[in-house]
Structure formats: C-alpha cells, structure tokens
C-alpha cells in the first residue's frame, strides 16, 4: 500500500477522520478567534507549525509558536486565537471523534445545547443509505456490543480470579497468561465499540437537524 503523505502548506483540511481519531491542518488569519467549546469524549492536541496562537484552556492562557504543542482534555472549555500579524497554521487531532464532537460553551463555562454537524464539516462524504437503514445497523451493533461486553465480563471475572492467585503466588509466567486472556476480552469489546461508534457517526448527521 502506498503511504499517503500530507503537507500543511497544501492540505489545509481534515486529513484523517474516524470515530477513534480526527486529524487536520488548520489555518487561521490574524485576529481570528475560535468559539469557546469542549469535547464530551475527546482529548485534543495542538501543534503550531507557523505563526503564533493564544490558547485558553480551563481558564488558563498560554501563547505558543512554531514547534510548540499543548492539549485540552475532554470536558475542558478551550479556544484558540491568532496573535501577531501573520496567519497561523497548526496540526490538531481529537481522540475519539464521536458526534456531537463539540459542545459550545458560554463565557462562564456553561454548556450550550448540543449541535450535530453534517459529515461535510469534517470533509467526509455523507452516507447515502436511508437514515432508517443506518439506524437499524446501529441498533444491531449496539446489541452485539452489549452481548460482547456481557460475555467478556464473565471471562474477565474468571481470568481475573486466576490472575489474582498467580500474583499472590509470585508466578509471573501464569500471571502473564491470565493477563493476556483479560486483554483479549477487552480488545474484543473495544473493537465492537469502535464499530458501533463508526456507524453512529454515519447515522447522526442523517437523524435530524445539523449545523
């Protein structure tokens, strides 16, 4: 497979979008300021590539230049503004990226009503399937997720009990085997959760008003 290479001087857009992560290059003009917002699920990291930016995160302020990075954790109100007389370009990523991805905030930090965005807001083509079909797929995945979680919970209890015994006995080899069994159960649930989140992101823009 050919590696796709992106260049911030050319690809000023979302360059990767999934329910697990959204990444993009963003350019802002002198004096421009983003709205105050937070992410219910996602942590966001920012890396300045050109120009300078002022970040306000949970009431704290920092000015960053090229090569410097900062992050905002889930639920932390934040915004960025351009300082100086030149445009600012940065790389950012939000992990995970599940609709509604942004929660608007008032100046005192209060939450504004939820707003879902069209797929095009993230440079993604809208799923052409009927909304009712996308809903059925999401509900099926929700049931599969619940079943996987219930099965894994029982397996985790059994493997966890054995891991506890191995740890108490100082048996690292046995502990490693039981730890791996627990990891496999967790991995299966997380994979199903990611699959359901992907379906949700296809459904959400089609299930009501956006913007």
C-alpha atoms as a PDB file:
ATOM      1  CA  UNK A   1       0.000   0.000   0.000  1.00  0.00           C
ATOM      2  CA  UNK A   2       1.308   3.458  -0.911  1.00  0.00           C
ATOM      3  CA  UNK A   3       1.794   5.765   2.067  1.00  0.00           C
ATOM      4  CA  UNK A   4      -0.289   8.913   1.658  1.00  0.00           C
ATOM      5  CA  UNK A   5       1.778  11.974   2.547  1.00  0.00           C
ATOM      6  CA  UNK A   6       0.174  15.249   3.666  1.00  0.00           C
ATOM      7  CA  UNK A   7       1.703  18.723   3.648  1.00  0.00           C
ATOM      8  CA  UNK A   8       0.386  21.518   5.907  1.00  0.00           C
ATOM      9  CA  UNK A   9       1.275  24.097   3.234  1.00  0.00           C
ATOM     10  CA  UNK A  10      -1.124  22.421   0.829  1.00  0.00           C
ATOM     11  CA  UNK A  11      -3.578  20.162   2.680  1.00  0.00           C
ATOM     12  CA  UNK A  12      -5.386  22.635   4.937  1.00  0.00           C
ATOM     13  CA  UNK A  13      -8.243  20.301   5.801  1.00  0.00           C
ATOM     14  CA  UNK A  14      -9.140  17.159   7.705  1.00  0.00           C
ATOM     15  CA  UNK A  15      -6.607  14.556   6.652  1.00  0.00           C
ATOM     16  CA  UNK A  16      -7.893  11.569   8.649  1.00  0.00           C
ATOM     17  CA  UNK A  17     -11.337  11.040  10.137  1.00  0.00           C
ATOM     18  CA  UNK A  18     -12.635   8.027  12.045  1.00  0.00           C
ATOM     19  CA  UNK A  19     -14.563   7.544  15.266  1.00  0.00           C
ATOM     20  CA  UNK A  20     -11.249   6.854  17.000  1.00  0.00           C
ATOM     21  CA  UNK A  21      -9.440   9.992  15.820  1.00  0.00           C
ATOM     22  CA  UNK A  22      -9.823  13.095  13.691  1.00  0.00           C
ATOM     23  CA  UNK A  23      -6.701  14.873  12.443  1.00  0.00           C
ATOM     24  CA  UNK A  24      -6.374  18.033  10.413  1.00  0.00           C
ATOM     25  CA  UNK A  25      -4.253  21.006   9.403  1.00  0.00           C
ATOM     26  CA  UNK A  26      -5.980  24.281  10.291  1.00  0.00           C
ATOM     27  CA  UNK A  27      -5.098  27.790   9.124  1.00  0.00           C
ATOM     28  CA  UNK A  28      -6.394  30.895  10.898  1.00  0.00           C
ATOM     29  CA  UNK A  29      -5.936  34.528   9.897  1.00  0.00           C
ATOM     30  CA  UNK A  30      -4.586  37.376  12.068  1.00  0.00           C
ATOM     31  CA  UNK A  31      -7.163  38.406  14.665  1.00  0.00           C
ATOM     32  CA  UNK A  32      -9.287  35.289  14.135  1.00  0.00           C
ATOM     33  CA  UNK A  33     -10.630  33.521  17.222  1.00  0.00           C
ATOM     34  CA  UNK A  34     -12.430  30.193  17.582  1.00  0.00           C
ATOM     35  CA  UNK A  35     -15.573  29.863  19.690  1.00  0.00           C
ATOM     36  CA  UNK A  36     -15.231  28.589  23.241  1.00  0.00           C
ATOM     37  CA  UNK A  37     -16.109  24.886  23.313  1.00  0.00           C
ATOM     38  CA  UNK A  38     -15.247  21.497  24.773  1.00  0.00           C
ATOM     39  CA  UNK A  39     -15.411  17.844  23.724  1.00  0.00           C
ATOM     40  CA  UNK A  40     -17.537  15.413  25.745  1.00  0.00           C
ATOM     41  CA  UNK A  41     -15.360  12.408  24.929  1.00  0.00           C
ATOM     42  CA  UNK A  42     -12.239  13.573  23.134  1.00  0.00           C
ATOM     43  CA  UNK A  43      -8.860  14.882  24.197  1.00  0.00           C
ATOM     44  CA  UNK A  44      -7.429  17.395  21.715  1.00  0.00           C
ATOM     45  CA  UNK A  45      -3.784  18.109  20.962  1.00  0.00           C
ATOM     46  CA  UNK A  46      -2.487  21.158  19.097  1.00  0.00           C
ATOM     47  CA  UNK A  47       0.903  21.630  17.419  1.00  0.00           C
ATOM     48  CA  UNK A  48       1.783  25.038  16.000  1.00  0.00           C
ATOM     49  CA  UNK A  49       3.503  24.900  12.604  1.00  0.00           C
ATOM     50  CA  UNK A  50       3.532  28.562  11.541  1.00  0.00           C
ATOM     51  CA  UNK A  51       2.646  31.833  13.244  1.00  0.00           C
ATOM     52  CA  UNK A  52       1.595  32.256  16.860  1.00  0.00           C
ATOM     53  CA  UNK A  53      -1.557  31.355  18.769  1.00  0.00           C
ATOM     54  CA  UNK A  54      -3.044  32.043  22.185  1.00  0.00           C
ATOM     55  CA  UNK A  55      -4.783  29.129  23.874  1.00  0.00           C
ATOM     56  CA  UNK A  56      -7.341  29.484  26.637  1.00  0.00           C
ATOM     57  CA  UNK A  57      -7.921  26.137  28.336  1.00  0.00           C
ATOM     58  CA  UNK A  58      -9.998  25.847  31.509  1.00  0.00           C
ATOM     59  CA  UNK A  59      -9.262  29.442  32.412  1.00  0.00           C
ATOM     60  CA  UNK A  60      -5.505  29.223  31.836  1.00  0.00           C
ATOM     61  CA  UNK A  61      -3.773  31.103  28.996  1.00  0.00           C
ATOM     62  CA  UNK A  62      -0.599  30.275  27.032  1.00  0.00           C
ATOM     63  CA  UNK A  63       0.961  31.702  23.878  1.00  0.00           C
ATOM     64  CA  UNK A  64       2.539  29.164  21.530  1.00  0.00           C
ATOM     65  CA  UNK A  65       4.793  29.438  18.493  1.00  0.00           C
ATOM     66  CA  UNK A  66       6.150  27.022  15.861  1.00  0.00           C
ATOM     67  CA  UNK A  67       7.234  23.677  17.272  1.00  0.00           C
ATOM     68  CA  UNK A  68       5.222  24.067  20.491  1.00  0.00           C
ATOM     69  CA  UNK A  69       2.223  21.957  21.466  1.00  0.00           C
ATOM     70  CA  UNK A  70      -0.478  21.844  24.125  1.00  0.00           C
ATOM     71  CA  UNK A  71      -3.625  19.828  24.762  1.00  0.00           C
ATOM     72  CA  UNK A  72      -7.144  20.152  26.120  1.00  0.00           C
ATOM     73  CA  UNK A  73      -8.652  17.197  27.935  1.00  0.00           C
ATOM     74  CA  UNK A  74     -12.248  16.053  27.490  1.00  0.00           C
ATOM     75  CA  UNK A  75     -14.719  18.479  29.122  1.00  0.00           C
ATOM     76  CA  UNK A  76     -12.156  21.301  29.362  1.00  0.00           C
ATOM     77  CA  UNK A  77     -13.528  24.526  27.813  1.00  0.00           C
ATOM     78  CA  UNK A  78     -10.992  25.892  25.344  1.00  0.00           C
ATOM     79  CA  UNK A  79     -10.456  28.191  22.386  1.00  0.00           C
ATOM     80  CA  UNK A  80      -7.620  29.484  20.256  1.00  0.00           C
ATOM     81  CA  UNK A  81      -6.929  32.890  18.743  1.00  0.00           C
ATOM     82  CA  UNK A  82      -4.235  34.138  16.390  1.00  0.00           C
ATOM     83  CA  UNK A  83      -1.769  36.649  17.813  1.00  0.00           C
ATOM     84  CA  UNK A  84       0.651  38.716  15.790  1.00  0.00           C
ATOM     85  CA  UNK A  85       0.386  39.942  12.241  1.00  0.00           C
ATOM     86  CA  UNK A  86       0.771  36.700  10.291  1.00  0.00           C
ATOM     87  CA  UNK A  87      -1.539  33.735   9.689  1.00  0.00           C
ATOM     88  CA  UNK A  88      -1.240  30.734  11.984  1.00  0.00           C
ATOM     89  CA  UNK A  89      -1.231  27.109  10.832  1.00  0.00           C
ATOM     90  CA  UNK A  90      -1.431  24.180  13.223  1.00  0.00           C
ATOM     91  CA  UNK A  91      -1.954  20.456  13.323  1.00  0.00           C
ATOM     92  CA  UNK A  92      -4.671  19.194  15.644  1.00  0.00           C
ATOM     93  CA  UNK A  93      -6.211  15.859  16.497  1.00  0.00           C
ATOM     94  CA  UNK A  94      -9.198  14.873  18.624  1.00  0.00           C
ATOM     95  CA  UNK A  95      -9.401  11.376  20.093  1.00  0.00           C
ATOM     96  CA  UNK A  96     -12.024   9.920  19.958  1.00  0.00           C
ATOM     97  CA  UNK A  97     -14.165  11.710  17.380  1.00  0.00           C
ATOM     98  CA  UNK A  98     -17.812  10.818  18.038  1.00  0.00           C
ATOM     99  CA  UNK A  99     -20.779  13.039  17.113  1.00  0.00           C
ATOM    100  CA  UNK A 100     -21.679  15.535  18.525  1.00  0.00           C
ATOM    101  CA  UNK A 101     -17.968  16.303  18.674  1.00  0.00           C
ATOM    102  CA  UNK A 102     -18.160  19.879  20.003  1.00  0.00           C
ATOM    103  CA  UNK A 103     -20.098  21.293  22.935  1.00  0.00           C
ATOM    104  CA  UNK A 104     -20.427  25.074  22.779  1.00  0.00           C
ATOM    105  CA  UNK A 105     -19.678  26.960  25.987  1.00  0.00           C
ATOM    106  CA  UNK A 106     -20.781  30.301  27.404  1.00  0.00           C
ATOM    107  CA  UNK A 107     -18.144  32.732  28.638  1.00  0.00           C
ATOM    108  CA  UNK A 108     -18.646  31.460  32.194  1.00  0.00           C
ATOM    109  CA  UNK A 109     -18.199  27.840  31.043  1.00  0.00           C
ATOM    110  CA  UNK A 110     -21.843  26.795  30.877  1.00  0.00           C
ATOM    111  CA  UNK A 111     -22.829  24.158  28.339  1.00  0.00           C
ATOM    112  CA  UNK A 112     -24.807  25.249  25.291  1.00  0.00           C
ATOM    113  CA  UNK A 113     -27.377  22.978  23.559  1.00  0.00           C
ATOM    114  CA  UNK A 114     -25.961  20.025  21.636  1.00  0.00           C
ATOM    115  CA  UNK A 115     -25.466  20.580  17.882  1.00  0.00           C
ATOM    116  CA  UNK A 116     -24.730  17.790  15.442  1.00  0.00           C
ATOM    117  CA  UNK A 117     -22.687  18.633  12.345  1.00  0.00           C
ATOM    118  CA  UNK A 118     -23.078  17.410   8.759  1.00  0.00           C
ATOM    119  CA  UNK A 119     -20.434  14.961   7.577  1.00  0.00           C
ATOM    120  CA  UNK A 120     -19.124  17.640   5.213  1.00  0.00           C
ATOM    121  CA  UNK A 121     -17.990  19.691   8.230  1.00  0.00           C
ATOM    122  CA  UNK A 122     -15.277  17.068   8.658  1.00  0.00           C
ATOM    123  CA  UNK A 123     -14.535  16.654   4.933  1.00  0.00           C
ATOM    124  CA  UNK A 124     -16.381  13.321   4.902  1.00  0.00           C
ATOM    125  CA  UNK A 125     -18.958  12.286   2.318  1.00  0.00           C
ATOM    126  CA  UNK A 126     -22.443  11.728   3.689  1.00  0.00           C
ATOM    127  CA  UNK A 127     -23.541   8.102   3.832  1.00  0.00           C
ATOM    128  CA  UNK A 128     -26.170   7.761   1.070  1.00  0.00           C
ATOM    129  CA  UNK A 129     -28.075   4.956   2.803  1.00  0.00           C
ATOM    130  CA  UNK A 130     -31.553   5.801   4.157  1.00  0.00           C
ATOM    131  CA  UNK A 131     -31.479   7.002   7.769  1.00  0.00           C
ATOM    132  CA  UNK A 132     -33.752   4.161   8.879  1.00  0.00           C
ATOM    133  CA  UNK A 133     -31.276   1.669   7.423  1.00  0.00           C
ATOM    134  CA  UNK A 134     -28.376   3.326   9.267  1.00  0.00           C
ATOM    135  CA  UNK A 135     -30.447   3.274  12.457  1.00  0.00           C
ATOM    136  CA  UNK A 136     -31.128  -0.453  12.085  1.00  0.00           C
ATOM    137  CA  UNK A 137     -27.417  -1.098  11.627  1.00  0.00           C
ATOM    138  CA  UNK A 138     -26.558   0.925  14.717  1.00  0.00           C
ATOM    139  CA  UNK A 139     -29.145  -0.869  16.847  1.00  0.00           C
ATOM    140  CA  UNK A 140     -27.815  -4.251  15.684  1.00  0.00           C
ATOM    141  CA  UNK A 141     -24.271  -3.215  16.610  1.00  0.00           C
ATOM    142  CA  UNK A 142     -25.497  -1.960  19.989  1.00  0.00           C
ATOM    143  CA  UNK A 143     -26.930  -5.384  20.733  1.00  0.00           C
ATOM    144  CA  UNK A 144     -23.710  -7.059  19.582  1.00  0.00           C
ATOM    145  CA  UNK A 145     -21.719  -4.711  21.809  1.00  0.00           C
ATOM    146  CA  UNK A 146     -23.910  -5.495  24.827  1.00  0.00           C
ATOM    147  CA  UNK A 147     -23.546  -9.233  24.184  1.00  0.00           C
ATOM    148  CA  UNK A 148     -19.773  -8.967  23.750  1.00  0.00           C
ATOM    149  CA  UNK A 149     -19.487  -6.953  26.953  1.00  0.00           C
ATOM    150  CA  UNK A 150     -21.559  -9.468  28.938  1.00  0.00           C
ATOM    151  CA  UNK A 151     -19.514 -12.397  27.629  1.00  0.00           C
ATOM    152  CA  UNK A 152     -16.242 -10.598  28.303  1.00  0.00           C
ATOM    153  CA  UNK A 153     -17.328  -9.677  31.829  1.00  0.00           C
ATOM    154  CA  UNK A 154     -17.770 -13.335  32.746  1.00  0.00           C
ATOM    155  CA  UNK A 155     -14.465 -14.277  31.159  1.00  0.00           C
ATOM    156  CA  UNK A 156     -12.737 -11.384  32.894  1.00  0.00           C
ATOM    157  CA  UNK A 157     -14.026 -12.461  36.299  1.00  0.00           C
ATOM    158  CA  UNK A 158     -12.663 -15.980  35.752  1.00  0.00           C
ATOM    159  CA  UNK A 159      -9.333 -14.835  34.344  1.00  0.00           C
ATOM    160  CA  UNK A 160      -9.109 -12.106  36.981  1.00  0.00           C
ATOM    161  CA  UNK A 161      -9.506 -14.633  39.788  1.00  0.00           C
ATOM    162  CA  UNK A 162      -6.709 -16.736  38.311  1.00  0.00           C
ATOM    163  CA  UNK A 163      -4.543 -13.655  37.848  1.00  0.00           C
ATOM    164  CA  UNK A 164      -5.054 -12.734  41.494  1.00  0.00           C
ATOM    165  CA  UNK A 165      -3.906 -16.198  42.552  1.00  0.00           C
ATOM    166  CA  UNK A 166      -0.864 -16.030  40.265  1.00  0.00           C
ATOM    167  CA  UNK A 167       0.102 -12.614  41.606  1.00  0.00           C
ATOM    168  CA  UNK A 168      -0.283 -13.797  45.194  1.00  0.00           C
ATOM    169  CA  UNK A 169       1.932 -16.797  44.404  1.00  0.00           C
ATOM    170  CA  UNK A 170       4.520 -14.672  42.608  1.00  0.00           C
ATOM    171  CA  UNK A 171       4.083 -16.764  39.448  1.00  0.00           C
ATOM    172  CA  UNK A 172       4.869 -14.253  36.705  1.00  0.00           C
ATOM    173  CA  UNK A 173       4.522 -16.780  33.865  1.00  0.00           C
ATOM    174  CA  UNK A 174       0.986 -17.740  34.894  1.00  0.00           C
ATOM    175  CA  UNK A 175       0.138 -14.114  35.588  1.00  0.00           C
ATOM    176  CA  UNK A 176       1.202 -13.221  32.059  1.00  0.00           C
ATOM    177  CA  UNK A 177      -1.093 -15.871  30.565  1.00  0.00           C
ATOM    178  CA  UNK A 178      -4.098 -14.673  32.540  1.00  0.00           C
ATOM    179  CA  UNK A 179      -3.306 -11.049  31.777  1.00  0.00           C
ATOM    180  CA  UNK A 180      -3.300 -11.875  28.061  1.00  0.00           C
ATOM    181  CA  UNK A 181      -6.670 -13.606  28.394  1.00  0.00           C
ATOM    182  CA  UNK A 182      -8.095 -10.483  30.014  1.00  0.00           C
ATOM    183  CA  UNK A 183      -6.601  -8.300  27.304  1.00  0.00           C
ATOM    184  CA  UNK A 184      -8.162 -10.385  24.529  1.00  0.00           C
ATOM    185  CA  UNK A 185     -11.575  -9.948  26.130  1.00  0.00           C
ATOM    186  CA  UNK A 186     -11.121  -6.206  26.483  1.00  0.00           C
ATOM    187  CA  UNK A 187      -9.833  -5.900  22.921  1.00  0.00           C
ATOM    188  CA  UNK A 188     -12.909  -7.653  21.542  1.00  0.00           C
ATOM    189  CA  UNK A 189     -15.249  -5.287  23.373  1.00  0.00           C
ATOM    190  CA  UNK A 190     -13.295  -2.208  22.291  1.00  0.00           C
ATOM    191  CA  UNK A 191     -13.299  -3.327  18.651  1.00  0.00           C
ATOM    192  CA  UNK A 192     -17.070  -3.750  18.747  1.00  0.00           C
ATOM    193  CA  UNK A 193     -17.419  -0.355  20.459  1.00  0.00           C
ATOM    194  CA  UNK A 194     -15.369   1.310  17.714  1.00  0.00           C
ATOM    195  CA  UNK A 195     -17.522  -0.387  15.080  1.00  0.00           C
ATOM    196  CA  UNK A 196     -20.688   0.919  16.740  1.00  0.00           C
ATOM    197  CA  UNK A 197     -19.200   4.433  17.001  1.00  0.00           C
ATOM    198  CA  UNK A 198     -18.379   4.430  13.290  1.00  0.00           C
ATOM    199  CA  UNK A 199     -21.982   3.500  12.499  1.00  0.00           C
ATOM    200  CA  UNK A 200     -23.216   6.201  14.892  1.00  0.00           C
ATOM    201  CA  UNK A 201     -21.163   8.843  13.056  1.00  0.00           C
ATOM    202  CA  UNK A 202     -22.804   7.769   9.799  1.00  0.00           C
ATOM    203  CA  UNK A 203     -26.272   7.879  11.364  1.00  0.00           C
ATOM    204  CA  UNK A 204     -26.106  11.028  13.479  1.00  0.00           C
ATOM    205  CA  UNK A 205     -25.945  13.600  10.629  1.00  0.00           C
ATOM    206  CA  UNK A 206     -28.919  11.895   8.937  1.00  0.00           C
ATOM    207  CA  UNK A 207     -31.148  11.659  12.008  1.00  0.00           C
ATOM    208  CA  UNK A 208     -32.192  15.274  12.492  1.00  0.00           C
ATOM    209  CA  UNK A 209     -31.210  18.901  12.009  1.00  0.00           C
ATOM    210  CA  UNK A 210     -27.493  19.694  11.740  1.00  0.00           C
ATOM    211  CA  UNK A 211     -25.388  22.829  11.820  1.00  0.00           C
END
